[in-house]
PDB file of N, CA and C in Angstrom:
ATOM      1  N   UNK A   1      12.027  -9.908   4.044  1.00  0.00           N
ATOM      2  CA  UNK A   1      11.973  -9.041   3.412  1.00  0.00           C
ATOM      3  C   UNK A   1      10.570  -7.681   3.740  1.00  0.00           C
ATOM      4  N   UNK A   2       9.920  -8.734   4.045  1.00  0.00           N
ATOM      5  CA  UNK A   2       8.552  -7.815   4.084  1.00  0.00           C
ATOM      6  C   UNK A   2       9.164  -6.728   5.788  1.00  0.00           C
ATOM      7  N   UNK A   3       9.618  -8.076   6.453  1.00  0.00           N
ATOM      8  CA  UNK A   3       9.640  -6.510   7.451  1.00  0.00           C
ATOM      9  C   UNK A   3      10.928  -5.709   7.777  1.00  0.00           C
ATOM     10  N   UNK A   4      11.973  -6.031   7.134  1.00  0.00           N
ATOM     11  CA  UNK A   4      12.669  -4.852   6.325  1.00  0.00           C
ATOM     12  C   UNK A   4      11.637  -3.613   5.877  1.00  0.00           C
ATOM     13  N   UNK A   5      10.944  -4.607   4.822  1.00  0.00           N
ATOM     14  CA  UNK A   5      10.095  -3.382   3.775  1.00  0.00           C
ATOM     15  C   UNK A   5       9.646  -2.191   5.015  1.00  0.00           C
ATOM     16  N   UNK A   6       9.150  -3.048   5.981  1.00  0.00           N
ATOM     17  CA  UNK A   6       7.763  -2.424   6.654  1.00  0.00           C
ATOM     18  C   UNK A   6       8.442  -1.223   7.963  1.00  0.00           C
ATOM     19  N   UNK A   7      10.199  -1.812   8.141  1.00  0.00           N
ATOM     20  CA  UNK A   7      11.025  -1.145   8.850  1.00  0.00           C
ATOM     21  C   UNK A   7      10.925   0.568   8.493  1.00  0.00           C
ATOM     22  N   UNK A   8      11.192   0.126   6.698  1.00  0.00           N
ATOM     23  CA  UNK A   8      11.651   0.958   6.158  1.00  0.00           C
ATOM     24  C   UNK A   8      10.315   2.604   6.044  1.00  0.00           C
ATOM     25  N   UNK A   9       9.632   1.545   5.581  1.00  0.00           N
ATOM     26  CA  UNK A   9       8.155   2.435   6.055  1.00  0.00           C
ATOM     27  C   UNK A   9       7.988   3.241   6.892  1.00  0.00           C
ATOM     28  N   UNK A  10       8.439   2.689   8.421  1.00  0.00           N
ATOM     29  CA  UNK A  10       8.188   3.168   9.014  1.00  0.00           C
ATOM     30  C   UNK A  10       9.318   4.385   9.674  1.00  0.00           C
ATOM     31  N   UNK A  11      10.612   4.240   9.270  1.00  0.00           N
ATOM     32  CA  UNK A  11      12.004   4.856   9.347  1.00  0.00           C
ATOM     33  C   UNK A  11      11.341   6.371   8.342  1.00  0.00           C
ATOM     34  N   UNK A  12      10.807   6.327   7.170  1.00  0.00           N
ATOM     35  CA  UNK A  12      11.075   6.749   5.821  1.00  0.00           C
ATOM     36  C   UNK A  12       9.430   7.730   5.869  1.00  0.00           C
ATOM     37  N   UNK A  13       8.779   6.801   6.590  1.00  0.00           N
ATOM     38  CA  UNK A  13       7.140   7.404   6.712  1.00  0.00           C
ATOM     39  C   UNK A  13       6.450   8.036   4.897  1.00  0.00           C
ATOM     40  N   UNK A  14       6.445   8.687   4.202  1.00  0.00           N
ATOM     41  CA  UNK A  14       5.927   9.327   3.147  1.00  0.00           C
ATOM     42  C   UNK A  14       7.446  10.869   2.825  1.00  0.00           C
ATOM     43  N   UNK A  15       8.748  10.568   3.135  1.00  0.00           N
ATOM     44  CA  UNK A  15       9.584  11.794   2.698  1.00  0.00           C
ATOM     45  C   UNK A  15      10.082  10.555   1.909  1.00  0.00           C
ATOM     46  N   UNK A  16       9.303  10.534   0.390  1.00  0.00           N
ATOM     47  CA  UNK A  16      10.224  10.855  -0.807  1.00  0.00           C
ATOM     48  C   UNK A  16      11.529  10.708  -1.108  1.00  0.00           C
ATOM     49  N   UNK A  17      12.298  11.583  -0.102  1.00  0.00           N
ATOM     50  CA  UNK A  17      12.997  12.379  -1.425  1.00  0.00           C
ATOM     51  C   UNK A  17      14.579  11.758   0.011  1.00  0.00           C
ATOM     52  N   UNK A  18      13.900  10.849   1.572  1.00  0.00           N
ATOM     53  CA  UNK A  18      14.954  10.305   2.268  1.00  0.00           C
ATOM     54  C   UNK A  18      16.156   9.308   1.832  1.00  0.00           C
ATOM     55  N   UNK A  19      17.330   9.584   2.198  1.00  0.00           N
ATOM     56  CA  UNK A  19      17.986   8.248   0.993  1.00  0.00           C
ATOM     57  C   UNK A  19      17.806   7.522   1.650  1.00  0.00           C
ATOM     58  N   UNK A  20      17.289   6.237   2.148  1.00  0.00           N
ATOM     59  CA  UNK A  20      16.727   5.624   2.143  1.00  0.00           C
ATOM     60  C   UNK A  20      15.233   4.753   1.101  1.00  0.00           C
ATOM     61  N   UNK A  21      14.620   5.689   0.099  1.00  0.00           N
ATOM     62  CA  UNK A  21      13.809   6.062  -0.158  1.00  0.00           C
ATOM     63  C   UNK A  21      13.437   4.934  -1.840  1.00  0.00           C
ATOM     64  N   UNK A  22      15.011   4.343  -2.173  1.00  0.00           N
ATOM     65  CA  UNK A  22      15.496   3.848  -3.330  1.00  0.00           C
ATOM     66  C   UNK A  22      15.729   3.081  -2.595  1.00  0.00           C
ATOM     67  N   UNK A  23      15.998   2.498  -1.678  1.00  0.00           N
ATOM     68  CA  UNK A  23      16.223   0.576  -1.456  1.00  0.00           C
ATOM     69  C   UNK A  23      14.407   0.593  -1.200  1.00  0.00           C
ATOM     70  N   UNK A  24      14.386   1.360  -1.033  1.00  0.00           N
ATOM     71  CA  UNK A  24      12.503   0.923  -0.595  1.00  0.00           C
ATOM     72  C   UNK A  24      11.320   0.581  -1.474  1.00  0.00           C
ATOM     73  N   UNK A  25      11.612   1.077  -2.585  1.00  0.00           N
ATOM     74  CA  UNK A  25      11.345   0.947  -3.752  1.00  0.00           C
ATOM     75  C   UNK A  25      11.913  -0.556  -4.380  1.00  0.00           C
ATOM     76  N   UNK A  26      13.278  -0.944  -4.013  1.00  0.00           N
ATOM     77  CA  UNK A  26      13.970  -1.756  -5.010  1.00  0.00           C
ATOM     78  C   UNK A  26      13.934  -2.987  -4.557  1.00  0.00           C
ATOM     79  N   UNK A  27      13.317  -3.412  -3.079  1.00  0.00           N
ATOM     80  CA  UNK A  27      13.098  -4.487  -1.777  1.00  0.00           C
ATOM     81  C   UNK A  27      11.643  -4.351  -2.478  1.00  0.00           C
ATOM     82  N   UNK A  28      10.892  -3.101  -2.660  1.00  0.00           N
ATOM     83  CA  UNK A  28       9.600  -3.757  -2.994  1.00  0.00           C
ATOM     84  C   UNK A  28       9.376  -4.549  -4.277  1.00  0.00           C
ATOM     85  N   UNK A  29      10.527  -3.803  -5.204  1.00  0.00           N
ATOM     86  CA  UNK A  29       9.945  -5.110  -6.385  1.00  0.00           C
ATOM     87  C   UNK A  29      10.662  -6.040  -6.215  1.00  0.00           C
ATOM     88  N   UNK A  30      11.637  -6.088  -5.309  1.00  0.00           N
ATOM     89  CA  UNK A  30      12.697  -7.565  -5.389  1.00  0.00           C
ATOM     90  C   UNK A  30      10.636  -8.796  -4.818  1.00  0.00           C
ATOM     91  N   UNK A  31       9.980  -8.157  -3.674  1.00  0.00           N
ATOM     92  CA  UNK A  31       8.965  -8.764  -2.819  1.00  0.00           C
ATOM     93  C   UNK A  31       8.603  -8.878  -4.210  1.00  0.00           C
ATOM     94  N   UNK A  32       8.032  -8.335  -4.967  1.00  0.00           N
ATOM     95  CA  UNK A  32       6.600  -8.424  -6.148  1.00  0.00           C
ATOM     96  C   UNK A  32       7.025  -9.353  -7.019  1.00  0.00           C
ATOM     97  N   UNK A  33       8.436  -9.040  -6.822  1.00  0.00           N
ATOM     98  CA  UNK A  33       8.845 -10.751  -8.120  1.00  0.00           C
ATOM     99  C   UNK A  33       9.234 -11.667  -7.108  1.00  0.00           C
ATOM    100  N   UNK A  34       9.413 -11.842  -6.544  1.00  0.00           N
ATOM    101  CA  UNK A  34       9.542 -13.064  -5.497  1.00  0.00           C
ATOM    102  C   UNK A  34       8.376 -13.640  -5.259  1.00  0.00           C
ATOM    103  N   UNK A  35       7.401 -11.974  -5.295  1.00  0.00           N
ATOM    104  CA  UNK A  35       5.781 -12.745  -5.215  1.00  0.00           C
ATOM    105  C   UNK A  35       4.815 -13.222  -6.826  1.00  0.00           C
ATOM    106  N   UNK A  36       5.534 -12.765  -7.535  1.00  0.00           N
ATOM    107  CA  UNK A  36       4.887 -13.330  -8.916  1.00  0.00           C
ATOM    108  C   UNK A  36       5.473 -14.770  -9.285  1.00  0.00           C
ATOM    109  N   UNK A  37       6.410 -15.326  -8.769  1.00  0.00           N
ATOM    110  CA  UNK A  37       6.926 -16.277  -9.596  1.00  0.00           C
ATOM    111  C   UNK A  37       6.513 -17.264  -8.518  1.00  0.00           C
ATOM    112  N   UNK A  38       6.586 -17.260  -7.051  1.00  0.00           N
ATOM    113  CA  UNK A  38       6.255 -17.903  -6.377  1.00  0.00           C
ATOM    114  C   UNK A  38       4.751 -18.252  -5.991  1.00  0.00           C
ATOM    115  N   UNK A  39       3.968 -17.111  -5.970  1.00  0.00           N
ATOM    116  CA  UNK A  39       2.511 -17.226  -5.798  1.00  0.00           C
ATOM    117  C   UNK A  39       1.700 -15.937  -6.487  1.00  0.00           C
ATOM    118  N   UNK A  40       1.668 -16.691  -7.650  1.00  0.00           N
ATOM    119  CA  UNK A  40       0.902 -15.359  -8.592  1.00  0.00           C
ATOM    120  C   UNK A  40      -0.348 -15.817  -8.500  1.00  0.00           C
ATOM    121  N   UNK A  41      -0.674 -14.087  -8.589  1.00  0.00           N
ATOM    122  CA  UNK A  41      -1.689 -13.915  -8.649  1.00  0.00           C
ATOM    123  C   UNK A  41      -1.786 -12.761 -10.068  1.00  0.00           C
ATOM    124  N   UNK A  42      -2.996 -11.962 -10.063  1.00  0.00           N
ATOM    125  CA  UNK A  42      -3.421 -11.128 -10.632  1.00  0.00           C
ATOM    126  C   UNK A  42      -3.180 -10.354 -10.289  1.00  0.00           C
ATOM    127  N   UNK A  43      -2.790  -9.196 -11.659  1.00  0.00           N
ATOM    128  CA  UNK A  43      -2.117  -8.196 -11.472  1.00  0.00           C
ATOM    129  C   UNK A  43      -3.073  -6.757 -11.339  1.00  0.00           C
ATOM    130  N   UNK A  44      -3.137  -6.451  -9.700  1.00  0.00           N
ATOM    131  CA  UNK A  44      -4.218  -5.083  -9.948  1.00  0.00           C
ATOM    132  C   UNK A  44      -4.171  -3.768  -9.322  1.00  0.00           C
ATOM    133  N   UNK A  45      -4.410  -3.517  -9.968  1.00  0.00           N
ATOM    134  CA  UNK A  45      -4.160  -1.876  -8.994  1.00  0.00           C
ATOM    135  C   UNK A  45      -4.330  -1.200  -8.068  1.00  0.00           C
ATOM    136  N   UNK A  46      -3.200  -0.250  -7.238  1.00  0.00           N
ATOM    137  CA  UNK A  46      -3.367  -0.237  -6.109  1.00  0.00           C
ATOM    138  C   UNK A  46      -4.899  -0.159  -5.114  1.00  0.00           C
ATOM    139  N   UNK A  47      -5.589   0.345  -6.090  1.00  0.00           N
ATOM    140  CA  UNK A  47      -6.563   1.010  -5.924  1.00  0.00           C
ATOM    141  C   UNK A  47      -8.538   0.238  -6.151  1.00  0.00           C
ATOM    142  N   UNK A  48      -7.869  -0.964  -6.724  1.00  0.00           N
ATOM    143  CA  UNK A  48      -8.577  -1.902  -6.877  1.00  0.00           C
ATOM    144  C   UNK A  48      -8.188  -3.239  -5.831  1.00  0.00           C
ATOM    145  N   UNK A  49      -7.680  -3.002  -5.371  1.00  0.00           N
ATOM    146  CA  UNK A  49      -6.915  -4.054  -3.913  1.00  0.00           C
ATOM    147  C   UNK A  49      -7.780  -3.366  -2.785  1.00  0.00           C
ATOM    148  N   UNK A  50      -7.206  -1.859  -2.761  1.00  0.00           N
ATOM    149  CA  UNK A  50      -8.536  -1.299  -1.707  1.00  0.00           C
ATOM    150  C   UNK A  50      -9.850  -1.428  -1.613  1.00  0.00           C
ATOM    151  N   UNK A  51      -9.849  -1.404  -2.893  1.00  0.00           N
ATOM    152  CA  UNK A  51     -11.854  -1.726  -2.975  1.00  0.00           C
ATOM    153  C   UNK A  51     -11.890  -3.153  -2.725  1.00  0.00           C
ATOM    154  N   UNK A  52     -11.305  -3.811  -3.208  1.00  0.00           N
ATOM    155  CA  UNK A  52     -11.617  -5.255  -2.444  1.00  0.00           C
ATOM    156  C   UNK A  52     -11.417  -5.312  -0.684  1.00  0.00           C
ATOM    157  N   UNK A  53     -10.778  -5.031  -0.264  1.00  0.00           N
ATOM    158  CA  UNK A  53     -10.292  -5.113   1.112  1.00  0.00           C
ATOM    159  C   UNK A  53     -11.460  -4.339   1.999  1.00  0.00           C
ATOM    160  N   UNK A  54     -11.286  -3.277   1.789  1.00  0.00           N
ATOM    161  CA  UNK A  54     -12.604  -2.977   2.498  1.00  0.00           C
ATOM    162  C   UNK A  54     -13.543  -3.072   1.939  1.00  0.00           C
ATOM    163  N   UNK A  55     -14.419  -4.492   1.142  1.00  0.00           N
ATOM    164  CA  UNK A  55     -15.404  -5.093   0.929  1.00  0.00           C
ATOM    165  C   UNK A  55     -15.528  -6.051   1.685  1.00  0.00           C
ATOM    166  N   UNK A  56     -14.157  -6.394   1.677  1.00  0.00           N
ATOM    167  CA  UNK A  56     -14.064  -7.909   3.065  1.00  0.00           C
ATOM    168  C   UNK A  56     -14.440  -7.649   4.551  1.00  0.00           C
ATOM    169  N   UNK A  57     -13.853  -6.124   4.392  1.00  0.00           N
ATOM    170  CA  UNK A  57     -14.558  -6.200   5.799  1.00  0.00           C
ATOM    171  C   UNK A  57     -15.223  -4.765   6.129  1.00  0.00           C
ATOM    172  N   UNK A  58     -16.301  -4.754   5.083  1.00  0.00           N
ATOM    173  CA  UNK A  58     -17.338  -4.126   5.085  1.00  0.00           C
ATOM    174  C   UNK A  58     -17.028  -3.050   5.340  1.00  0.00           C
ATOM    175  N   UNK A  59     -16.094  -2.251   5.232  1.00  0.00           N
ATOM    176  CA  UNK A  59     -15.899  -0.643   5.496  1.00  0.00           C
ATOM    177  C   UNK A  59     -16.539   0.455   4.022  1.00  0.00           C
ATOM    178  N   UNK A  60     -16.393   1.747   4.568  1.00  0.00           N
ATOM    179  CA  UNK A  60     -16.966   2.695   3.937  1.00  0.00           C
ATOM    180  C   UNK A  60     -15.276   3.346   3.511  1.00  0.00           C
ATOM    181  N   UNK A  61     -15.295   4.859   3.110  1.00  0.00           N
ATOM    182  CA  UNK A  61     -14.692   5.376   2.854  1.00  0.00           C
ATOM    183  C   UNK A  61     -14.803   6.343   3.969  1.00  0.00           C
ATOM    184  N   UNK A  62     -15.334   6.681   4.877  1.00  0.00           N
ATOM    185  CA  UNK A  62     -16.114   7.153   6.946  1.00  0.00           C
ATOM    186  C   UNK A  62     -14.698   6.211   7.052  1.00  0.00           C
ATOM    187  N   UNK A  63     -14.872   5.258   6.953  1.00  0.00           N
ATOM    188  CA  UNK A  63     -14.351   4.062   8.255  1.00  0.00           C
ATOM    189  C   UNK A  63     -12.475   4.522   8.059  1.00  0.00           C
ATOM    190  N   UNK A  64     -11.537   5.181   7.153  1.00  0.00           N
ATOM    191  CA  UNK A  64     -10.372   4.773   6.326  1.00  0.00           C
ATOM    192  C   UNK A  64      -9.703   6.794   6.940  1.00  0.00           C
ATOM    193  N   UNK A  65      -9.703   7.063   8.625  1.00  0.00           N
ATOM    194  CA  UNK A  65      -9.543   8.088   8.475  1.00  0.00           C
ATOM    195  C   UNK A  65      -8.136   8.053   8.178  1.00  0.00           C
ATOM    196  N   UNK A  66      -7.351   7.167   8.049  1.00  0.00           N
ATOM    197  CA  UNK A  66      -5.353   6.924   7.940  1.00  0.00           C
ATOM    198  C   UNK A  66      -5.547   7.511   7.012  1.00  0.00           C
ATOM    199  N   UNK A  67      -6.159   8.115   5.758  1.00  0.00           N
ATOM    200  CA  UNK A  67      -6.150   8.276   4.327  1.00  0.00           C
ATOM    201  C   UNK A  67      -6.349   9.444   4.231  1.00  0.00           C
ATOM    202  N   UNK A  68      -6.451  10.421   5.279  1.00  0.00           N
ATOM    203  CA  UNK A  68      -7.335  11.075   4.975  1.00  0.00           C
ATOM    204  C   UNK A  68      -8.819  11.668   4.516  1.00  0.00           C
ATOM    205  N   UNK A  69      -9.199  13.186   4.522  1.00  0.00           N
ATOM    206  CA  UNK A  69     -10.228  13.251   3.568  1.00  0.00           C
ATOM    207  C   UNK A  69     -11.047  12.477   3.017  1.00  0.00           C
ATOM    208  N   UNK A  70     -12.568  11.937   3.284  1.00  0.00           N
ATOM    209  CA  UNK A  70     -13.269  10.972   2.311  1.00  0.00           C
ATOM    210  C   UNK A  70     -13.364  11.445   1.059  1.00  0.00           C
ATOM    211  N   UNK A  71     -13.173  12.444   0.788  1.00  0.00           N
ATOM    212  CA  UNK A  71     -12.929  13.265  -0.896  1.00  0.00           C
ATOM    213  C   UNK A  71     -11.627  12.225  -1.107  1.00  0.00           C
ATOM    214  N   UNK A  72     -10.564  11.984  -0.382  1.00  0.00           N
ATOM    215  CA  UNK A  72      -9.442  11.099  -0.613  1.00  0.00           C
ATOM    216  C   UNK A  72      -9.502  10.204  -1.369  1.00  0.00           C
ATOM    217  N   UNK A  73      -9.594   9.477  -0.290  1.00  0.00           N
ATOM    218  CA  UNK A  73     -10.396   8.114  -0.099  1.00  0.00           C
ATOM    219  C   UNK A  73     -11.207   7.930  -1.684  1.00  0.00           C
ATOM    220  N   UNK A  74     -11.892   8.474  -1.430  1.00  0.00           N
ATOM    221  CA  UNK A  74     -13.343   8.313  -2.880  1.00  0.00           C
ATOM    222  C   UNK A  74     -12.015   8.627  -4.127  1.00  0.00           C
ATOM    223  N   UNK A  75     -11.272   9.938  -4.446  1.00  0.00           N
ATOM    224  CA  UNK A  75     -10.633   9.917  -5.596  1.00  0.00           C
ATOM    225  C   UNK A  75      -9.526   8.515  -6.080  1.00  0.00           C
ATOM    226  N   UNK A  76      -9.021   8.252  -4.163  1.00  0.00           N
ATOM    227  CA  UNK A  76      -7.502   6.999  -4.444  1.00  0.00           C
ATOM    228  C   UNK A  76      -8.154   5.641  -5.225  1.00  0.00           C
ATOM    229  N   UNK A  77     -10.422   5.514  -5.522  1.00  0.00           N
ATOM    230  CA  UNK A  77     -10.698   4.079  -5.316  1.00  0.00           C
ATOM    231  C   UNK A  77     -11.466   4.423  -6.606  1.00  0.00           C
ATOM    232  N   UNK A  78     -11.518   5.661  -6.607  1.00  0.00           N
ATOM    233  CA  UNK A  78     -11.922   5.437  -8.728  1.00  0.00           C
ATOM    234  C   UNK A  78     -10.827   5.894  -9.490  1.00  0.00           C
ATOM    235  N   UNK A  79      -9.166   5.617  -8.937  1.00  0.00           N
ATOM    236  CA  UNK A  79      -8.050   5.367  -9.065  1.00  0.00           C
ATOM    237  C   UNK A  79      -7.117   6.388  -9.880  1.00  0.00           C
ATOM    238  N   UNK A  80      -8.249   7.889  -9.517  1.00  0.00           N
ATOM    239  CA  UNK A  80      -7.274   9.758  -9.585  1.00  0.00           C
ATOM    240  C   UNK A  80      -6.509  10.409  -9.172  1.00  0.00           C
ATOM    241  N   UNK A  81      -6.525   9.290  -7.946  1.00  0.00           N
ATOM    242  CA  UNK A  81      -5.374   9.676  -7.120  1.00  0.00           C
ATOM    243  C   UNK A  81      -4.170   8.417  -6.444  1.00  0.00           C
ATOM    244  N   UNK A  82      -3.202   8.920  -6.776  1.00  0.00           N
ATOM    245  CA  UNK A  82      -2.822   7.283  -6.323  1.00  0.00           C
ATOM    246  C   UNK A  82      -2.193   6.999  -4.088  1.00  0.00           C
ATOM    247  N   UNK A  83      -1.906   6.263  -4.325  1.00  0.00           N
ATOM    248  CA  UNK A  83      -1.494   6.043  -2.598  1.00  0.00           C
ATOM    249  C   UNK A  83      -0.150   6.610  -2.167  1.00  0.00           C
ATOM    250  N   UNK A  84       0.213   7.281  -1.617  1.00  0.00           N
ATOM    251  CA  UNK A  84       1.290   7.720  -0.568  1.00  0.00           C
ATOM    252  C   UNK A  84       1.769   7.022   0.129  1.00  0.00           C
ATOM    253  N   UNK A  85       3.186   6.633   0.811  1.00  0.00           N
ATOM    254  CA  UNK A  85       3.898   5.880   1.205  1.00  0.00           C
ATOM    255  C   UNK A  85       3.541   5.665   2.251  1.00  0.00           C
ATOM    256  N   UNK A  86       3.037   6.925   3.719  1.00  0.00           N
ATOM    257  CA  UNK A  86       2.014   6.881   4.196  1.00  0.00           C
ATOM    258  C   UNK A  86       0.791   5.985   4.560  1.00  0.00           C
ATOM    259  N   UNK A  87       0.711   6.123   3.639  1.00  0.00           N
ATOM    260  CA  UNK A  87      -1.371   6.060   3.478  1.00  0.00           C
ATOM    261  C   UNK A  87      -0.922   3.869   3.107  1.00  0.00           C
ATOM    262  N   UNK A  88       0.241   4.024   1.928  1.00  0.00           N
ATOM    263  CA  UNK A  88       0.229   2.373   1.915  1.00  0.00           C
ATOM    264  C   UNK A  88       0.907   1.696   3.167  1.00  0.00           C
ATOM    265  N   UNK A  89       1.813   2.367   4.109  1.00  0.00           N
ATOM    266  CA  UNK A  89       2.258   1.638   5.621  1.00  0.00           C
ATOM    267  C   UNK A  89       0.732   1.668   6.427  1.00  0.00           C
ATOM    268  N   UNK A  90      -0.124   2.576   6.820  1.00  0.00           N
ATOM    269  CA  UNK A  90      -1.174   2.604   7.221  1.00  0.00           C
ATOM    270  C   UNK A  90      -2.037   1.299   6.931  1.00  0.00           C
ATOM    271  N   UNK A  91      -2.559   1.431   5.511  1.00  0.00           N
ATOM    272  CA  UNK A  91      -3.653  -0.026   5.081  1.00  0.00           C
ATOM    273  C   UNK A  91      -2.763  -1.002   5.205  1.00  0.00           C
ATOM    274  N   UNK A  92      -1.471  -0.919   5.261  1.00  0.00           N
ATOM    275  CA  UNK A  92      -0.425  -2.531   5.333  1.00  0.00           C
ATOM    276  C   UNK A  92      -0.775  -3.236   6.776  1.00  0.00           C
ATOM    277  N   UNK A  93      -0.958  -1.938   7.949  1.00  0.00           N
ATOM    278  CA  UNK A  93      -0.652  -2.400   9.592  1.00  0.00           C
ATOM    279  C   UNK A  93      -2.226  -3.225   9.405  1.00  0.00           C
ATOM    280  N   UNK A  94      -2.985  -2.296   8.805  1.00  0.00           N
ATOM    281  CA  UNK A  94      -4.838  -1.757   9.435  1.00  0.00           C
ATOM    282  C   UNK A  94      -5.079  -3.705   8.623  1.00  0.00           C
ATOM    283  N   UNK A  95      -4.988  -3.470   7.570  1.00  0.00           N
ATOM    284  CA  UNK A  95      -5.167  -4.908   6.840  1.00  0.00           C
ATOM    285  C   UNK A  95      -4.538  -5.969   7.080  1.00  0.00           C
ATOM    286  N   UNK A  96      -3.584  -5.676   7.712  1.00  0.00           N
ATOM    287  CA  UNK A  96      -2.269  -7.182   7.840  1.00  0.00           C
ATOM    288  C   UNK A  96      -2.223  -8.050   6.461  1.00  0.00           C
ATOM    289  N   UNK A  97      -1.504  -6.638   5.514  1.00  0.00           N
ATOM    290  CA  UNK A  97      -1.268  -7.452   4.390  1.00  0.00           C
ATOM    291  C   UNK A  97      -0.028  -7.121   4.000  1.00  0.00           C
ATOM    292  N   UNK A  98       1.126  -7.538   3.326  1.00  0.00           N
ATOM    293  CA  UNK A  98       2.369  -6.839   3.091  1.00  0.00           C
ATOM    294  C   UNK A  98       1.886  -5.159   2.162  1.00  0.00           C
ATOM    295  N   UNK A  99       2.905  -4.468   2.490  1.00  0.00           N
ATOM    296  CA  UNK A  99       2.975  -3.403   1.831  1.00  0.00           C
ATOM    297  C   UNK A  99       2.922  -3.304  -0.155  1.00  0.00           C
ATOM    298  N   UNK A 100       3.487  -4.396  -0.299  1.00  0.00           N
ATOM    299  CA  UNK A 100       3.829  -4.989  -1.370  1.00  0.00           C
ATOM    300  C   UNK A 100       2.564  -5.022  -2.349  1.00  0.00           C
ATOM    301  N   UNK A 101       1.241  -5.677  -1.788  1.00  0.00           N
ATOM    302  CA  UNK A 101       0.335  -5.827  -2.710  1.00  0.00           C
ATOM    303  C   UNK A 101      -0.280  -4.199  -3.133  1.00  0.00           C
ATOM    304  N   UNK A 102       0.127  -3.428  -2.679  1.00  0.00           N
ATOM    305  CA  UNK A 102      -0.065  -1.569  -2.794  1.00  0.00           C
ATOM    306  C   UNK A 102       0.708  -0.845  -4.184  1.00  0.00           C
ATOM    307  N   UNK A 103       1.588  -1.453  -4.290  1.00  0.00           N
ATOM    308  CA  UNK A 103       2.903  -1.321  -5.365  1.00  0.00           C
ATOM    309  C   UNK A 103       2.753  -1.750  -7.041  1.00  0.00           C
TER     310      UNK A 103
END
């Protein structure tokens, strides 16, 4: 399912009006439900997951050009700005994690 999710992210990009956007959301929810049932982990908001991954890889906001300007990274880390689909796709590839961890 995560492979399908990644394919949908590649197809849809950040177009939230794409005809497959609802399918992407549904698959994300199914993956999340499965992971909660079989691999329970404390829920964390996307910005905390990102902060954790950055700390694990010794990265600063300047090290994430795929998220846009440094100000966007800072606002995301502070929980003021949500990740968009393109950012989630790029971050999941960069950190080799399922895009579902950011939903």
